[in-house]
Protein backbone atom coordinates (compact mmCIF):
# COMPACT_ATOMS: atom_id res chain seq x y z
CA UNK A 1 -37.82 144.61 9.15
CA UNK A 2 -37.61 148.03 7.52
CA UNK A 3 -40.31 149.38 9.82
CA UNK A 4 -38.31 148.40 12.93
CA UNK A 5 -35.19 150.08 11.52
CA UNK A 6 -37.18 153.17 10.59
CA UNK A 7 -38.76 153.29 14.03
CA UNK A 8 -35.35 152.95 15.71
CA UNK A 9 -33.93 155.74 13.56
CA UNK A 10 -36.88 158.00 14.44
CA UNK A 11 -36.41 157.28 18.15
CA UNK A 12 -32.68 157.87 17.88
CA UNK A 13 -33.25 161.17 16.08
CA UNK A 14 -35.79 162.24 18.73
CA UNK A 15 -33.43 161.22 21.53
CA UNK A 16 -30.53 163.17 20.02
CA UNK A 17 -32.76 166.20 19.46
CA UNK A 18 -33.99 166.17 23.07
CA UNK A 19 -30.45 165.67 24.32
CA UNK A 20 -29.33 168.71 22.35
CA UNK A 21 -32.20 170.80 23.70
CA UNK A 22 -31.61 169.87 27.33
CA UNK A 23 -27.85 170.30 27.02
CA UNK A 24 -28.22 173.81 25.67
CA UNK A 25 -30.74 174.65 28.40
CA UNK A 26 -28.68 173.24 31.29
CA UNK A 27 -25.27 174.65 30.39
CA UNK A 28 -24.86 178.11 31.92
CA UNK A 29 -23.83 180.98 29.71
CA UNK A 30 -20.27 182.17 30.22
CA UNK A 31 -19.56 185.78 31.06
CA UNK A 32 -17.32 187.55 28.62
CA UNK A 33 -15.00 189.11 31.15
CA UNK A 34 -12.26 191.40 29.90
CA UNK A 35 -8.79 189.92 29.84
CA UNK A 36 -6.55 190.63 32.79
CA UNK A 37 -4.16 193.51 32.37
CA UNK A 38 -0.54 192.41 32.07
CA UNK A 39 1.55 193.21 35.11
CA UNK A 40 4.55 195.48 34.95
CA UNK A 41 7.81 193.62 34.54
CA UNK A 42 11.30 194.31 35.82
CA UNK A 43 12.83 192.47 32.89
CA UNK A 44 14.43 194.46 30.12
CA UNK A 45 15.44 193.25 26.69
CA UNK A 46 18.59 194.93 25.46
CA UNK A 47 19.67 194.75 21.85
CA UNK A 48 23.35 195.52 21.37
CA UNK A 49 24.86 196.40 18.04
CA UNK A 50 28.44 195.16 18.04
CA UNK A 51 29.29 197.64 15.28
CA UNK A 52 28.25 200.58 17.49
CA UNK A 53 30.78 199.63 20.19
CA UNK A 54 33.35 202.38 20.80
CA UNK A 55 36.79 201.24 19.63
CA UNK A 56 38.50 201.62 23.02
CA UNK A 57 36.37 198.81 24.55
CA UNK A 58 37.68 195.32 23.90
CA UNK A 59 34.27 193.62 23.87
CA UNK A 60 30.59 194.28 24.42
CA UNK A 61 30.90 192.94 27.98
CA UNK A 62 33.48 195.62 28.82
CA UNK A 63 31.24 198.28 27.35
């Protein structure tokens, strides 16, 4: 019984090895293309300091 199990394990190991070899041979190599350049944006981020608001404006929205 041990010889059948050993034989099956050898066949399984050989099958997995051949599968790994053929997989690595059949899968095409990927090209390392440079990343796309980010496009210019029309969005601006504005940080407002409420302490820098001139005193004659009631709120930041009025400023």
